[in-house]
Amino acid sequence: MRRPSLSVLLPAGLIALSALLALGGTVFLLGMFPASAGAQAPALAANVPADAWGWGLMAAALSTGLSSLAGGYAVARLGTAAVGAMAEKPELFGRLLIFVGLAEGIAIYGVIISILILNRLG
């Protein structure tokens, strides 16, 4: 049996670490705003049920975190290919820049979704 190479293990490890950090941050935020029977949601979210407040924070954190991971992975793959292509044909710079910008747009869309979720909560 072949052992997985570093090019497979490193992204998987980084994704696992990022997911763990995102989950830890979400648990920390939920600890700051408990939704237990005696506690109340913050004053900004008076019209939002207590359970929805916690799930909304988790959704905002996951949409930002996962879209940033996907955008970083896409830029890493496209960036290496773009540098290789530009080494052979420098006139491709404009086209390659558009592709890298589209890959970065994935992360921006995730942040926009998070802002929309947080606006709905507040």
PDB file of N, CA and C in Angstrom:
ATOM      1  N   MET A   1       0.832  -1.181   0.000  1.00  0.00           N
ATOM      2  CA  MET A   1       0.000   0.000   0.000  1.00  0.00           C
ATOM      3  C   MET A   1       0.875   1.243   0.000  1.00  0.00           C
ATOM      4  N   ARG A   2       0.475   2.225  -0.803  1.00  0.00           N
ATOM      5  CA  ARG A   2       1.236   3.464  -0.853  1.00  0.00           C
ATOM      6  C   ARG A   2       0.802   4.404   0.256  1.00  0.00           C
ATOM      7  N   ARG A   3       1.757   5.124   0.789  1.00  0.00           N
ATOM      8  CA  ARG A   3       1.453   6.135   1.791  1.00  0.00           C
ATOM      9  C   ARG A   3       1.055   7.426   1.086  1.00  0.00           C
ATOM     10  N   PRO A   4       0.111   8.190   1.642  1.00  0.00           N
ATOM     11  CA  PRO A   4      -0.268   9.450   1.008  1.00  0.00           C
ATOM     12  C   PRO A   4       0.907  10.430   1.020  1.00  0.00           C
ATOM     13  N   SER A   5       1.016  11.209  -0.027  1.00  0.00           N
ATOM     14  CA  SER A   5       2.120  12.160  -0.122  1.00  0.00           C
ATOM     15  C   SER A   5       1.807  13.414   0.695  1.00  0.00           C
ATOM     16  N   LEU A   6       2.830  14.241   0.838  1.00  0.00           N
ATOM     17  CA  LEU A   6       2.679  15.475   1.598  1.00  0.00           C
ATOM     18  C   LEU A   6       1.705  16.429   0.922  1.00  0.00           C
ATOM     19  N   SER A   7       1.622  16.364  -0.401  1.00  0.00           N
ATOM     20  CA  SER A   7       0.707  17.261  -1.110  1.00  0.00           C
ATOM     21  C   SER A   7      -0.752  16.926  -0.831  1.00  0.00           C
ATOM     22  N   VAL A   8      -1.024  15.745  -0.319  1.00  0.00           N
ATOM     23  CA  VAL A   8      -2.386  15.366   0.057  1.00  0.00           C
ATOM     24  C   VAL A   8      -2.611  15.608   1.541  1.00  0.00           C
ATOM     25  N   LEU A   9      -1.616  15.302   2.353  1.00  0.00           N
ATOM     26  CA  LEU A   9      -1.775  15.420   3.795  1.00  0.00           C
ATOM     27  C   LEU A   9      -1.790  16.856   4.282  1.00  0.00           C
ATOM     28  N   LEU A  10      -0.984  17.724   3.682  1.00  0.00           N
ATOM     29  CA  LEU A  10      -0.903  19.102   4.147  1.00  0.00           C
ATOM     30  C   LEU A  10      -2.222  19.853   3.975  1.00  0.00           C
ATOM     31  N   PRO A  11      -2.865  19.844   2.791  1.00  0.00           N
ATOM     32  CA  PRO A  11      -4.165  20.528   2.702  1.00  0.00           C
ATOM     33  C   PRO A  11      -5.226  19.907   3.611  1.00  0.00           C
ATOM     34  N   ALA A  12      -5.218  18.593   3.741  1.00  0.00           N
ATOM     35  CA  ALA A  12      -6.203  17.952   4.618  1.00  0.00           C
ATOM     36  C   ALA A  12      -5.980  18.371   6.070  1.00  0.00           C
ATOM     37  N   GLY A  13      -4.742  18.454   6.484  1.00  0.00           N
ATOM     38  CA  GLY A  13      -4.437  18.889   7.846  1.00  0.00           C
ATOM     39  C   GLY A  13      -4.819  20.334   8.078  1.00  0.00           C
ATOM     40  N   LEU A  14      -4.556  21.197   7.090  1.00  0.00           N
ATOM     41  CA  LEU A  14      -4.924  22.601   7.230  1.00  0.00           C
ATOM     42  C   LEU A  14      -6.432  22.786   7.269  1.00  0.00           C
ATOM     43  N   ILE A  15      -7.147  22.008   6.483  1.00  0.00           N
ATOM     44  CA  ILE A  15      -8.609  22.093   6.503  1.00  0.00           C
ATOM     45  C   ILE A  15      -9.142  21.634   7.857  1.00  0.00           C
ATOM     46  N   ALA A  16      -8.587  20.549   8.383  1.00  0.00           N
ATOM     47  CA  ALA A  16      -9.022  20.057   9.699  1.00  0.00           C
ATOM     48  C   ALA A  16      -8.717  21.083  10.786  1.00  0.00           C
ATOM     49  N   LEU A  17      -7.530  21.699  10.732  1.00  0.00           N
ATOM     50  CA  LEU A  17      -7.170  22.706  11.728  1.00  0.00           C
ATOM     51  C   LEU A  17      -8.084  23.920  11.630  1.00  0.00           C
ATOM     52  N   SER A  18      -8.372  24.371  10.415  1.00  0.00           N
ATOM     53  CA  SER A  18      -9.260  25.520  10.238  1.00  0.00           C
ATOM     54  C   SER A  18     -10.670  25.220  10.722  1.00  0.00           C
ATOM     55  N   ALA A  19     -11.154  24.016  10.435  1.00  0.00           N
ATOM     56  CA  ALA A  19     -12.488  23.642  10.908  1.00  0.00           C
ATOM     57  C   ALA A  19     -12.526  23.591  12.432  1.00  0.00           C
ATOM     58  N   LEU A  20     -11.467  23.088  13.045  1.00  0.00           N
ATOM     59  CA  LEU A  20     -11.401  23.028  14.503  1.00  0.00           C
ATOM     60  C   LEU A  20     -11.380  24.431  15.101  1.00  0.00           C
ATOM     61  N   LEU A  21     -10.610  25.337  14.506  1.00  0.00           N
ATOM     62  CA  LEU A  21     -10.566  26.709  14.999  1.00  0.00           C
ATOM     63  C   LEU A  21     -11.906  27.421  14.806  1.00  0.00           C
ATOM     64  N   ALA A  22     -12.565  27.189  13.671  1.00  0.00           N
ATOM     65  CA  ALA A  22     -13.874  27.799  13.447  1.00  0.00           C
ATOM     66  C   ALA A  22     -14.901  27.277  14.443  1.00  0.00           C
ATOM     67  N   LEU A  23     -14.850  25.978  14.708  1.00  0.00           N
ATOM     68  CA  LEU A  23     -15.780  25.400  15.678  1.00  0.00           C
ATOM     69  C   LEU A  23     -15.502  25.938  17.078  1.00  0.00           C
ATOM     70  N   GLY A  24     -14.233  26.048  17.432  1.00  0.00           N
ATOM     71  CA  GLY A  24     -13.878  26.596  18.742  1.00  0.00           C
ATOM     72  C   GLY A  24     -14.325  28.030  18.891  1.00  0.00           C
ATOM     73  N   GLY A  25     -14.155  28.835  17.838  1.00  0.00           N
ATOM     74  CA  GLY A  25     -14.610  30.223  17.885  1.00  0.00           C
ATOM     75  C   GLY A  25     -16.119  30.328  18.003  1.00  0.00           C
ATOM     76  N   THR A  26     -16.818  29.438  17.316  1.00  0.00           N
ATOM     77  CA  THR A  26     -18.273  29.448  17.403  1.00  0.00           C
ATOM     78  C   THR A  26     -18.744  29.051  18.791  1.00  0.00           C
ATOM     79  N   VAL A  27     -18.107  28.041  19.359  1.00  0.00           N
ATOM     80  CA  VAL A  27     -18.469  27.632  20.727  1.00  0.00           C
ATOM     81  C   VAL A  27     -18.177  28.760  21.702  1.00  0.00           C
ATOM     82  N   PHE A  28     -17.075  29.472  21.489  1.00  0.00           N
ATOM     83  CA  PHE A  28     -16.752  30.613  22.346  1.00  0.00           C
ATOM     84  C   PHE A  28     -17.815  31.693  22.238  1.00  0.00           C
ATOM     85  N   LEU A  29     -18.254  31.995  21.005  1.00  0.00           N
ATOM     86  CA  LEU A  29     -19.293  33.002  20.829  1.00  0.00           C
ATOM     87  C   LEU A  29     -20.609  32.569  21.457  1.00  0.00           C
ATOM     88  N   LEU A  30     -20.933  31.288  21.309  1.00  0.00           N
ATOM     89  CA  LEU A  30     -22.173  30.802  21.911  1.00  0.00           C
ATOM     90  C   LEU A  30     -22.079  30.831  23.435  1.00  0.00           C
ATOM     91  N   GLY A  31     -20.874  30.663  23.961  1.00  0.00           N
ATOM     92  CA  GLY A  31     -20.688  30.761  25.412  1.00  0.00           C
ATOM     93  C   GLY A  31     -20.859  32.181  25.905  1.00  0.00           C
ATOM     94  N   MET A  32     -20.506  33.158  25.063  1.00  0.00           N
ATOM     95  CA  MET A  32     -20.676  34.562  25.442  1.00  0.00           C
ATOM     96  C   MET A  32     -22.145  34.968  25.432  1.00  0.00           C
ATOM     97  N   PHE A  33     -22.933  34.334  24.570  1.00  0.00           N
ATOM     98  CA  PHE A  33     -24.355  34.643  24.462  1.00  0.00           C
ATOM     99  C   PHE A  33     -25.154  33.369  24.714  1.00  0.00           C
ATOM    100  N   PRO A  34     -25.234  32.927  25.945  1.00  0.00           N
ATOM    101  CA  PRO A  34     -25.932  31.654  26.207  1.00  0.00           C
ATOM    102  C   PRO A  34     -27.418  31.752  25.909  1.00  0.00           C
ATOM    103  N   ALA A  35     -27.969  30.637  25.449  1.00  0.00           N
ATOM    104  CA  ALA A  35     -29.395  30.586  25.124  1.00  0.00           C
ATOM    105  C   ALA A  35     -30.126  29.668  26.091  1.00  0.00           C
ATOM    106  N   SER A  36     -29.673  29.614  27.343  1.00  0.00           N
ATOM    107  CA  SER A  36     -30.326  28.745  28.325  1.00  0.00           C
ATOM    108  C   SER A  36     -31.614  29.400  28.803  1.00  0.00           C
ATOM    109  N   ALA A  37     -32.308  28.711  29.688  1.00  0.00           N
ATOM    110  CA  ALA A  37     -33.630  29.169  30.115  1.00  0.00           C
ATOM    111  C   ALA A  37     -33.567  30.512  30.841  1.00  0.00           C
ATOM    112  N   GLY A  38     -32.553  30.731  31.664  1.00  0.00           N
ATOM    113  CA  GLY A  38     -32.467  31.970  32.434  1.00  0.00           C
ATOM    114  C   GLY A  38     -31.832  33.116  31.675  1.00  0.00           C
ATOM    115  N   ALA A  39     -31.149  32.836  30.615  1.00  0.00           N
ATOM    116  CA  ALA A  39     -30.441  33.889  29.886  1.00  0.00           C
ATOM    117  C   ALA A  39     -31.311  34.425  28.758  1.00  0.00           C
ATOM    118  N   GLN A  40     -30.993  35.634  28.353  1.00  0.00           N
ATOM    119  CA  GLN A  40     -31.704  36.249  27.241  1.00  0.00           C
ATOM    120  C   GLN A  40     -30.711  36.580  26.147  1.00  0.00           C
ATOM    121  N   ALA A  41     -31.206  36.645  24.927  1.00  0.00           N
ATOM    122  CA  ALA A  41     -30.363  37.032  23.798  1.00  0.00           C
ATOM    123  C   ALA A  41     -30.004  38.503  23.928  1.00  0.00           C
ATOM    124  N   PRO A  42     -28.960  38.962  23.270  1.00  0.00           N
ATOM    125  CA  PRO A  42     -28.596  40.377  23.346  1.00  0.00           C
ATOM    126  C   PRO A  42     -29.731  41.285  22.888  1.00  0.00           C
ATOM    127  N   ALA A  43     -29.646  42.538  23.277  1.00  0.00           N
ATOM    128  CA  ALA A  43     -30.725  43.486  23.030  1.00  0.00           C
ATOM    129  C   ALA A  43     -30.965  43.720  21.537  1.00  0.00           C
ATOM    130  N   LEU A  44     -29.944  43.596  20.718  1.00  0.00           N
ATOM    131  CA  LEU A  44     -30.109  43.824  19.284  1.00  0.00           C
ATOM    132  C   LEU A  44     -31.000  42.777  18.629  1.00  0.00           C
ATOM    133  N   ALA A  45     -31.042  41.591  19.197  1.00  0.00           N
ATOM    134  CA  ALA A  45     -31.797  40.504  18.586  1.00  0.00           C
ATOM    135  C   ALA A  45     -33.066  40.204  19.373  1.00  0.00           C
ATOM    136  N   ALA A  46     -33.808  41.222  19.728  1.00  0.00           N
ATOM    137  CA  ALA A  46     -35.008  41.016  20.533  1.00  0.00           C
ATOM    138  C   ALA A  46     -36.094  40.277  19.760  1.00  0.00           C
ATOM    139  N   ASN A  47     -36.123  40.422  18.437  1.00  0.00           N
ATOM    140  CA  ASN A  47     -37.164  39.782  17.650  1.00  0.00           C
ATOM    141  C   ASN A  47     -36.754  38.409  17.130  1.00  0.00           C
ATOM    142  N   VAL A  48     -35.578  37.924  17.500  1.00  0.00           N
ATOM    143  CA  VAL A  48     -35.065  36.639  17.035  1.00  0.00           C
ATOM    144  C   VAL A  48     -35.105  35.653  18.196  1.00  0.00           C
ATOM    145  N   PRO A  49     -35.645  34.451  17.991  1.00  0.00           N
ATOM    146  CA  PRO A  49     -35.638  33.458  19.067  1.00  0.00           C
ATOM    147  C   PRO A  49     -34.211  33.127  19.510  1.00  0.00           C
ATOM    148  N   ALA A  50     -34.072  32.704  20.750  1.00  0.00           N
ATOM    149  CA  ALA A  50     -32.747  32.446  21.330  1.00  0.00           C
ATOM    150  C   ALA A  50     -32.009  31.343  20.578  1.00  0.00           C
ATOM    151  N   ASP A  51     -32.727  30.309  20.155  1.00  0.00           N
ATOM    152  CA  ASP A  51     -32.069  29.227  19.417  1.00  0.00           C
ATOM    153  C   ASP A  51     -31.572  29.705  18.056  1.00  0.00           C
ATOM    154  N   ALA A  52     -32.344  30.561  17.412  1.00  0.00           N
ATOM    155  CA  ALA A  52     -31.955  31.057  16.098  1.00  0.00           C
ATOM    156  C   ALA A  52     -30.714  31.934  16.196  1.00  0.00           C
ATOM    157  N   TRP A  53     -30.527  32.607  17.313  1.00  0.00           N
ATOM    158  CA  TRP A  53     -29.359  33.458  17.498  1.00  0.00           C
ATOM    159  C   TRP A  53     -28.070  32.625  17.430  1.00  0.00           C
ATOM    160  N   GLY A  54     -28.032  31.524  18.152  1.00  0.00           N
ATOM    161  CA  GLY A  54     -26.850  30.655  18.142  1.00  0.00           C
ATOM    162  C   GLY A  54     -26.598  30.024  16.791  1.00  0.00           C
ATOM    163  N   TRP A  55     -27.662  29.532  16.153  1.00  0.00           N
ATOM    164  CA  TRP A  55     -27.502  28.923  14.833  1.00  0.00           C
ATOM    165  C   TRP A  55     -27.098  29.963  13.795  1.00  0.00           C
ATOM    166  N   GLY A  56     -27.582  31.180  13.937  1.00  0.00           N
ATOM    167  CA  GLY A  56     -27.202  32.239  13.008  1.00  0.00           C
ATOM    168  C   GLY A  56     -25.726  32.587  13.119  1.00  0.00           C
ATOM    169  N   LEU A  57     -25.220  32.648  14.354  1.00  0.00           N
ATOM    170  CA  LEU A  57     -23.790  32.904  14.537  1.00  0.00           C
ATOM    171  C   LEU A  57     -22.956  31.769  13.959  1.00  0.00           C
ATOM    172  N   MET A  58     -23.417  30.542  14.150  1.00  0.00           N
ATOM    173  CA  MET A  58     -22.678  29.401  13.600  1.00  0.00           C
ATOM    174  C   MET A  58     -22.708  29.431  12.070  1.00  0.00           C
ATOM    175  N   ALA A  59     -23.839  29.775  11.494  1.00  0.00           N
ATOM    176  CA  ALA A  59     -23.937  29.839  10.038  1.00  0.00           C
ATOM    177  C   ALA A  59     -23.035  30.930   9.478  1.00  0.00           C
ATOM    178  N   ALA A  60     -22.985  32.074  10.143  1.00  0.00           N
ATOM    179  CA  ALA A  60     -22.120  33.158   9.675  1.00  0.00           C
ATOM    180  C   ALA A  60     -20.651  32.761   9.769  1.00  0.00           C
ATOM    181  N   ALA A  61     -20.277  32.112  10.864  1.00  0.00           N
ATOM    182  CA  ALA A  61     -18.880  31.680  11.022  1.00  0.00           C
ATOM    183  C   ALA A  61     -18.510  30.626   9.990  1.00  0.00           C
ATOM    184  N   LEU A  62     -19.403  29.680   9.750  1.00  0.00           N
ATOM    185  CA  LEU A  62     -19.105  28.630   8.773  1.00  0.00           C
ATOM    186  C   LEU A  62     -19.067  29.160   7.352  1.00  0.00           C
ATOM    187  N   SER A  63     -19.957  30.090   7.014  1.00  0.00           N
ATOM    188  CA  SER A  63     -19.938  30.605   5.645  1.00  0.00           C
ATOM    189  C   SER A  63     -18.663  31.396   5.376  1.00  0.00           C
ATOM    190  N   THR A  64     -18.202  32.158   6.349  1.00  0.00           N
ATOM    191  CA  THR A  64     -16.951  32.891   6.157  1.00  0.00           C
ATOM    192  C   THR A  64     -15.768  31.943   6.138  1.00  0.00           C
ATOM    193  N   GLY A  65     -15.707  31.029   7.088  1.00  0.00           N
ATOM    194  CA  GLY A  65     -14.562  30.133   7.192  1.00  0.00           C
ATOM    195  C   GLY A  65     -14.426  29.181   6.018  1.00  0.00           C
ATOM    196  N   LEU A  66     -15.509  28.535   5.650  1.00  0.00           N
ATOM    197  CA  LEU A  66     -15.434  27.556   4.564  1.00  0.00           C
ATOM    198  C   LEU A  66     -15.216  28.215   3.204  1.00  0.00           C
ATOM    199  N   SER A  67     -15.827  29.379   2.987  1.00  0.00           N
ATOM    200  CA  SER A  67     -15.590  30.052   1.709  1.00  0.00           C
ATOM    201  C   SER A  67     -14.162  30.583   1.628  1.00  0.00           C
ATOM    202  N   SER A  68     -13.600  31.001   2.748  1.00  0.00           N
ATOM    203  CA  SER A  68     -12.203  31.439   2.745  1.00  0.00           C
ATOM    204  C   SER A  68     -11.261  30.270   2.491  1.00  0.00           C
ATOM    205  N   LEU A  69     -11.569  29.124   3.071  1.00  0.00           N
ATOM    206  CA  LEU A  69     -10.765  27.932   2.790  1.00  0.00           C
ATOM    207  C   LEU A  69     -10.841  27.552   1.313  1.00  0.00           C
ATOM    208  N   ALA A  70     -12.033  27.566   0.762  1.00  0.00           N
ATOM    209  CA  ALA A  70     -12.197  27.211  -0.645  1.00  0.00           C
ATOM    210  C   ALA A  70     -11.514  28.231  -1.552  1.00  0.00           C
ATOM    211  N   GLY A  71     -11.636  29.504  -1.223  1.00  0.00           N
ATOM    212  CA  GLY A  71     -10.978  30.530  -2.014  1.00  0.00           C
ATOM    213  C   GLY A  71      -9.462  30.421  -1.950  1.00  0.00           C
ATOM    214  N   GLY A  72      -8.928  30.146  -0.763  1.00  0.00           N
ATOM    215  CA  GLY A  72      -7.492  29.972  -0.623  1.00  0.00           C
ATOM    216  C   GLY A  72      -6.982  28.772  -1.392  1.00  0.00           C
ATOM    217  N   TYR A  73      -7.735  27.695  -1.353  1.00  0.00           N
ATOM    218  CA  TYR A  73      -7.339  26.494  -2.092  1.00  0.00           C
ATOM    219  C   TYR A  73      -7.368  26.756  -3.601  1.00  0.00           C
ATOM    220  N   ALA A  74      -8.409  27.458  -4.059  1.00  0.00           N
ATOM    221  CA  ALA A  74      -8.518  27.754  -5.489  1.00  0.00           C
ATOM    222  C   ALA A  74      -7.401  28.681  -5.945  1.00  0.00           C
ATOM    223  N   VAL A  75      -7.084  29.700  -5.141  1.00  0.00           N
ATOM    224  CA  VAL A  75      -6.016  30.619  -5.508  1.00  0.00           C
ATOM    225  C   VAL A  75      -4.669  29.904  -5.489  1.00  0.00           C
ATOM    226  N   ALA A  76      -4.471  28.993  -4.556  1.00  0.00           N
ATOM    227  CA  ALA A  76      -3.208  28.253  -4.509  1.00  0.00           C
ATOM    228  C   ALA A  76      -3.023  27.415  -5.764  1.00  0.00           C
ATOM    229  N   ARG A  77      -4.065  26.722  -6.165  1.00  0.00           N
ATOM    230  CA  ARG A  77      -3.974  25.899  -7.384  1.00  0.00           C
ATOM    231  C   ARG A  77      -3.825  26.765  -8.638  1.00  0.00           C
ATOM    232  N   LEU A  78      -4.651  27.803  -8.740  1.00  0.00           N
ATOM    233  CA  LEU A  78      -4.587  28.660  -9.913  1.00  0.00           C
ATOM    234  C   LEU A  78      -3.308  29.483  -9.953  1.00  0.00           C
ATOM    235  N   GLY A  79      -2.839  29.905  -8.795  1.00  0.00           N
ATOM    236  CA  GLY A  79      -1.632  30.719  -8.755  1.00  0.00           C
ATOM    237  C   GLY A  79      -0.412  29.984  -9.257  1.00  0.00           C
ATOM    238  N   THR A  80      -0.271  28.728  -8.855  1.00  0.00           N
ATOM    239  CA  THR A  80       0.886  27.958  -9.326  1.00  0.00           C
ATOM    240  C   THR A  80       0.794  27.703 -10.829  1.00  0.00           C
ATOM    241  N   ALA A  81      -0.402  27.418 -11.304  1.00  0.00           N
ATOM    242  CA  ALA A  81      -0.567  27.205 -12.743  1.00  0.00           C
ATOM    243  C   ALA A  81      -0.351  28.504 -13.514  1.00  0.00           C
ATOM    244  N   ALA A  82      -0.791  29.625 -12.949  1.00  0.00           N
ATOM    245  CA  ALA A  82      -0.629  30.908 -13.621  1.00  0.00           C
ATOM    246  C   ALA A  82       0.840  31.301 -13.714  1.00  0.00           C
ATOM    247  N   VAL A  83       1.591  31.070 -12.658  1.00  0.00           N
ATOM    248  CA  VAL A  83       3.022  31.397 -12.698  1.00  0.00           C
ATOM    249  C   VAL A  83       3.736  30.535 -13.735  1.00  0.00           C
ATOM    250  N   GLY A  84       3.375  29.273 -13.801  1.00  0.00           N
ATOM    251  CA  GLY A  84       3.970  28.398 -14.803  1.00  0.00           C
ATOM    252  C   GLY A  84       3.631  28.820 -16.218  1.00  0.00           C
ATOM    253  N   ALA A  85       2.375  29.239 -16.430  1.00  0.00           N
ATOM    254  CA  ALA A  85       1.964  29.667 -17.768  1.00  0.00           C
ATOM    255  C   ALA A  85       2.618  30.991 -18.146  1.00  0.00           C
ATOM    256  N   MET A  86       2.768  31.887 -17.172  1.00  0.00           N
ATOM    257  CA  MET A  86       3.397  33.179 -17.468  1.00  0.00           C
ATOM    258  C   MET A  86       4.890  33.038 -17.739  1.00  0.00           C
ATOM    259  N   ALA A  87       5.501  32.006 -17.187  1.00  0.00           N
ATOM    260  CA  ALA A  87       6.918  31.789 -17.465  1.00  0.00           C
ATOM    261  C   ALA A  87       7.123  31.453 -18.938  1.00  0.00           C
ATOM    262  N   GLU A  88       6.154  30.791 -19.541  1.00  0.00           N
ATOM    263  CA  GLU A  88       6.266  30.427 -20.945  1.00  0.00           C
ATOM    264  C   GLU A  88       5.714  31.506 -21.875  1.00  0.00           C
ATOM    265  N   LYS A  89       4.582  32.125 -21.474  1.00  0.00           N
ATOM    266  CA  LYS A  89       3.940  33.145 -22.315  1.00  0.00           C
ATOM    267  C   LYS A  89       3.557  34.349 -21.449  1.00  0.00           C
ATOM    268  N   PRO A  90       4.413  35.354 -21.341  1.00  0.00           N
ATOM    269  CA  PRO A  90       4.105  36.517 -20.486  1.00  0.00           C
ATOM    270  C   PRO A  90       2.879  37.312 -20.949  1.00  0.00           C
ATOM    271  N   GLU A  91       2.480  37.176 -22.193  1.00  0.00           N
ATOM    272  CA  GLU A  91       1.325  37.936 -22.682  1.00  0.00           C
ATOM    273  C   GLU A  91      -0.003  37.429 -22.116  1.00  0.00           C
ATOM    274  N   LEU A  92      -0.007  36.339 -21.377  1.00  0.00           N
ATOM    275  CA  LEU A  92      -1.230  35.797 -20.764  1.00  0.00           C
ATOM    276  C   LEU A  92      -1.550  36.439 -19.418  1.00  0.00           C
ATOM    277  N   PHE A  93      -0.790  37.449 -19.017  1.00  0.00           N
ATOM    278  CA  PHE A  93      -0.959  38.022 -17.673  1.00  0.00           C
ATOM    279  C   PHE A  93      -2.394  38.482 -17.410  1.00  0.00           C
ATOM    280  N   GLY A  94      -2.985  39.203 -18.331  1.00  0.00           N
ATOM    281  CA  GLY A  94      -4.337  39.729 -18.128  1.00  0.00           C
ATOM    282  C   GLY A  94      -5.377  38.633 -17.964  1.00  0.00           C
ATOM    283  N   ARG A  95      -5.302  37.623 -18.792  1.00  0.00           N
ATOM    284  CA  ARG A  95      -6.261  36.511 -18.689  1.00  0.00           C
ATOM    285  C   ARG A  95      -6.095  35.749 -17.378  1.00  0.00           C
ATOM    286  N   LEU A  96      -4.854  35.527 -16.986  1.00  0.00           N
ATOM    287  CA  LEU A  96      -4.602  34.774 -15.754  1.00  0.00           C
ATOM    288  C   LEU A  96      -5.019  35.569 -14.521  1.00  0.00           C
ATOM    289  N   LEU A  97      -4.862  36.874 -14.588  1.00  0.00           N
ATOM    290  CA  LEU A  97      -5.276  37.716 -13.467  1.00  0.00           C
ATOM    291  C   LEU A  97      -6.784  37.641 -13.255  1.00  0.00           C
ATOM    292  N   ILE A  98      -7.529  37.539 -14.343  1.00  0.00           N
ATOM    293  CA  ILE A  98      -8.986  37.406 -14.235  1.00  0.00           C
ATOM    294  C   ILE A  98      -9.351  36.095 -13.547  1.00  0.00           C
ATOM    295  N   PHE A  99      -8.676  35.008 -13.909  1.00  0.00           N
ATOM    296  CA  PHE A  99      -8.976  33.719 -13.280  1.00  0.00           C
ATOM    297  C   PHE A  99      -8.671  33.733 -11.786  1.00  0.00           C
ATOM    298  N   VAL A 100      -7.561  34.330 -11.402  1.00  0.00           N
ATOM    299  CA  VAL A 100      -7.210  34.401  -9.986  1.00  0.00           C
ATOM    300  C   VAL A 100      -8.210  35.288  -9.244  1.00  0.00           C
ATOM    301  N   GLY A 101      -8.642  36.372  -9.880  1.00  0.00           N
ATOM    302  CA  GLY A 101      -9.650  37.233  -9.255  1.00  0.00           C
ATOM    303  C   GLY A 101     -10.981  36.528  -9.060  1.00  0.00           C
ATOM    304  N   LEU A 102     -11.362  35.694 -10.010  1.00  0.00           N
ATOM    305  CA  LEU A 102     -12.597  34.921  -9.850  1.00  0.00           C
ATOM    306  C   LEU A 102     -12.491  33.930  -8.694  1.00  0.00           C
ATOM    307  N   ALA A 103     -11.314  33.353  -8.521  1.00  0.00           N
ATOM    308  CA  ALA A 103     -11.125  32.428  -7.408  1.00  0.00           C
ATOM    309  C   ALA A 103     -11.180  33.164  -6.072  1.00  0.00           C
ATOM    310  N   GLU A 104     -10.664  34.383  -6.021  1.00  0.00           N
ATOM    311  CA  GLU A 104     -10.743  35.163  -4.785  1.00  0.00           C
ATOM    312  C   GLU A 104     -12.170  35.591  -4.484  1.00  0.00           C
ATOM    313  N   GLY A 105     -12.981  35.685  -5.514  1.00  0.00           N
ATOM    314  CA  GLY A 105     -14.376  36.071  -5.326  1.00  0.00           C
ATOM    315  C   GLY A 105     -15.156  35.089  -4.471  1.00  0.00           C
ATOM    316  N   ILE A 106     -14.718  33.856  -4.428  1.00  0.00           N
ATOM    317  CA  ILE A 106     -15.395  32.848  -3.594  1.00  0.00           C
ATOM    318  C   ILE A 106     -15.391  33.290  -2.135  1.00  0.00           C
ATOM    319  N   ALA A 107     -14.250  33.762  -1.662  1.00  0.00           N
ATOM    320  CA  ALA A 107     -14.155  34.209  -0.265  1.00  0.00           C
ATOM    321  C   ALA A 107     -15.001  35.456  -0.030  1.00  0.00           C
ATOM    322  N   ILE A 108     -15.028  36.352  -1.003  1.00  0.00           N
ATOM    323  CA  ILE A 108     -15.817  37.577  -0.847  1.00  0.00           C
ATOM    324  C   ILE A 108     -17.300  37.245  -0.771  1.00  0.00           C
ATOM    325  N   TYR A 109     -17.754  36.275  -1.573  1.00  0.00           N
ATOM    326  CA  TYR A 109     -19.160  35.878  -1.503  1.00  0.00           C
ATOM    327  C   TYR A 109     -19.513  35.315  -0.129  1.00  0.00           C
ATOM    328  N   GLY A 110     -18.615  34.558   0.463  1.00  0.00           N
ATOM    329  CA  GLY A 110     -18.862  34.025   1.809  1.00  0.00           C
ATOM    330  C   GLY A 110     -18.985  35.113   2.847  1.00  0.00           C
ATOM    331  N   VAL A 111     -18.151  36.154   2.740  1.00  0.00           N
ATOM    332  CA  VAL A 111     -18.234  37.272   3.684  1.00  0.00           C
ATOM    333  C   VAL A 111     -19.545  38.028   3.489  1.00  0.00           C
ATOM    334  N   ILE A 112     -19.970  38.193   2.244  1.00  0.00           N
ATOM    335  CA  ILE A 112     -21.241  38.877   1.982  1.00  0.00           C
ATOM    336  C   ILE A 112     -22.403  38.089   2.583  1.00  0.00           C
ATOM    337  N   ILE A 113     -22.383  36.770   2.436  1.00  0.00           N
ATOM    338  CA  ILE A 113     -23.441  35.944   3.024  1.00  0.00           C
ATOM    339  C   ILE A 113     -23.432  36.075   4.542  1.00  0.00           C
ATOM    340  N   SER A 114     -22.244  36.106   5.156  1.00  0.00           N
ATOM    341  CA  SER A 114     -22.161  36.274   6.608  1.00  0.00           C
ATOM    342  C   SER A 114     -22.742  37.608   7.044  1.00  0.00           C
ATOM    343  N   ILE A 115     -22.456  38.658   6.293  1.00  0.00           N
ATOM    344  CA  ILE A 115     -23.005  39.972   6.633  1.00  0.00           C
ATOM    345  C   ILE A 115     -24.528  39.947   6.525  1.00  0.00           C
ATOM    346  N   LEU A 116     -25.062  39.290   5.500  1.00  0.00           N
ATOM    347  CA  LEU A 116     -26.517  39.193   5.365  1.00  0.00           C
ATOM    348  C   LEU A 116     -27.145  38.405   6.515  1.00  0.00           C
ATOM    349  N   ILE A 117     -26.470  37.332   6.944  1.00  0.00           N
ATOM    350  CA  ILE A 117     -26.991  36.546   8.068  1.00  0.00           C
ATOM    351  C   ILE A 117     -26.984  37.372   9.334  1.00  0.00           C
ATOM    352  N   LEU A 118     -25.885  38.086   9.590  1.00  0.00           N
ATOM    353  CA  LEU A 118     -25.792  38.893  10.809  1.00  0.00           C
ATOM    354  C   LEU A 118     -26.760  40.073  10.782  1.00  0.00           C
ATOM    355  N   ASN A 119     -27.024  40.641   9.605  1.00  0.00           N
ATOM    356  CA  ASN A 119     -28.031  41.691   9.503  1.00  0.00           C
ATOM    357  C   ASN A 119     -29.413  41.161   9.819  1.00  0.00           C
ATOM    358  N   ARG A 120     -29.704  39.938   9.401  1.00  0.00           N
ATOM    359  CA  ARG A 120     -31.011  39.326   9.677  1.00  0.00           C
ATOM    360  C   ARG A 120     -31.174  39.086  11.191  1.00  0.00           C
ATOM    361  N   LEU A 121     -30.072  38.748  11.861  1.00  0.00           N
ATOM    362  CA  LEU A 121     -30.138  38.515  13.306  1.00  0.00           C
ATOM    363  C   LEU A 121     -30.336  39.814  14.078  1.00  0.00           C
ATOM    364  N   GLY A 122     -29.720  40.889  13.615  1.00  0.00           N
ATOM    365  CA  GLY A 122     -29.729  42.138  14.378  1.00  0.00           C
ATOM    366  C   GLY A 122     -30.807  43.012  14.033  1.00  0.00           C
TER     367      GLY A 122
END
